[in-house]
Amino acid sequence: MVRSLSFGSFIYDFKYFLIRNQFFCAY
């Protein structure tokens, strides 16, 4: 589910997604 309320929220979710992936890939 993609929240397209504003471009700022999209960037925040995308950055959070990348950080979460890097965190799981570390293990």
N, C-alpha and C. Protein backbone atom coordinates (compact mmCIF):
# COMPACT_ATOMS: atom_id res chain seq x y z
N MET A 1 0.85 -1.21 0.00
CA MET A 1 0.00 0.00 0.00
C MET A 1 0.87 1.25 0.00
N VAL A 2 0.65 2.12 -0.95
CA VAL A 2 1.46 3.34 -1.08
C VAL A 2 0.64 4.54 -0.64
N ARG A 3 1.20 5.30 0.28
CA ARG A 3 0.49 6.50 0.74
C ARG A 3 0.97 7.71 -0.06
N SER A 4 0.13 8.20 -0.94
CA SER A 4 0.51 9.33 -1.80
C SER A 4 -0.13 10.62 -1.30
N LEU A 5 -0.10 10.81 0.02
CA LEU A 5 -0.68 12.05 0.58
C LEU A 5 0.16 13.25 0.17
N SER A 6 1.47 13.10 0.26
CA SER A 6 2.35 14.19 -0.13
C SER A 6 3.70 13.62 -0.53
N PHE A 7 4.47 14.39 -1.27
CA PHE A 7 5.77 13.92 -1.74
C PHE A 7 6.73 13.72 -0.57
N GLY A 8 6.57 14.53 0.48
CA GLY A 8 7.44 14.42 1.65
C GLY A 8 7.26 13.08 2.35
N SER A 9 6.00 12.65 2.49
CA SER A 9 5.74 11.38 3.15
C SER A 9 6.29 10.23 2.30
N PHE A 10 6.26 10.39 0.98
CA PHE A 10 6.79 9.35 0.09
C PHE A 10 8.29 9.20 0.30
N ILE A 11 9.02 10.32 0.38
CA ILE A 11 10.46 10.28 0.60
C ILE A 11 10.75 9.65 1.96
N TYR A 12 9.96 10.01 2.98
CA TYR A 12 10.18 9.47 4.32
C TYR A 12 9.99 7.96 4.32
N ASP A 13 8.94 7.46 3.69
CA ASP A 13 8.68 6.02 3.65
C ASP A 13 9.76 5.31 2.83
N PHE A 14 10.21 5.94 1.74
CA PHE A 14 11.23 5.31 0.90
C PHE A 14 12.55 5.20 1.65
N LYS A 15 12.95 6.27 2.37
CA LYS A 15 14.18 6.24 3.14
C LYS A 15 14.09 5.21 4.26
N TYR A 16 12.92 5.13 4.90
CA TYR A 16 12.72 4.15 5.96
C TYR A 16 12.81 2.73 5.40
N PHE A 17 12.28 2.53 4.18
CA PHE A 17 12.33 1.23 3.53
C PHE A 17 13.78 0.83 3.24
N LEU A 18 14.58 1.76 2.74
CA LEU A 18 15.98 1.47 2.44
C LEU A 18 16.75 1.15 3.71
N ILE A 19 16.54 1.95 4.76
CA ILE A 19 17.25 1.72 6.02
C ILE A 19 16.86 0.37 6.61
N ARG A 20 15.58 0.02 6.54
CA ARG A 20 15.12 -1.26 7.08
C ARG A 20 15.73 -2.42 6.29
N ASN A 21 15.84 -2.27 4.96
CA ASN A 21 16.43 -3.33 4.14
C ASN A 21 17.90 -3.51 4.48
N GLN A 22 18.63 -2.42 4.67
CA GLN A 22 20.04 -2.49 5.01
C GLN A 22 20.22 -3.15 6.38
N PHE A 23 19.28 -2.87 7.29
CA PHE A 23 19.37 -3.44 8.63
C PHE A 23 19.20 -4.96 8.58
N PHE A 24 18.23 -5.44 7.79
CA PHE A 24 17.99 -6.88 7.68
C PHE A 24 19.08 -7.55 6.85
N CYS A 25 19.61 -6.86 5.86
CA CYS A 25 20.65 -7.46 5.02
C CYS A 25 21.95 -7.63 5.81
N ALA A 26 22.12 -6.85 6.88
CA ALA A 26 23.33 -6.94 7.68
C ALA A 26 23.41 -8.30 8.39
N TYR A 27 22.26 -8.93 8.59
CA TYR A 27 22.26 -10.22 9.30
C TYR A 27 22.13 -11.37 8.30
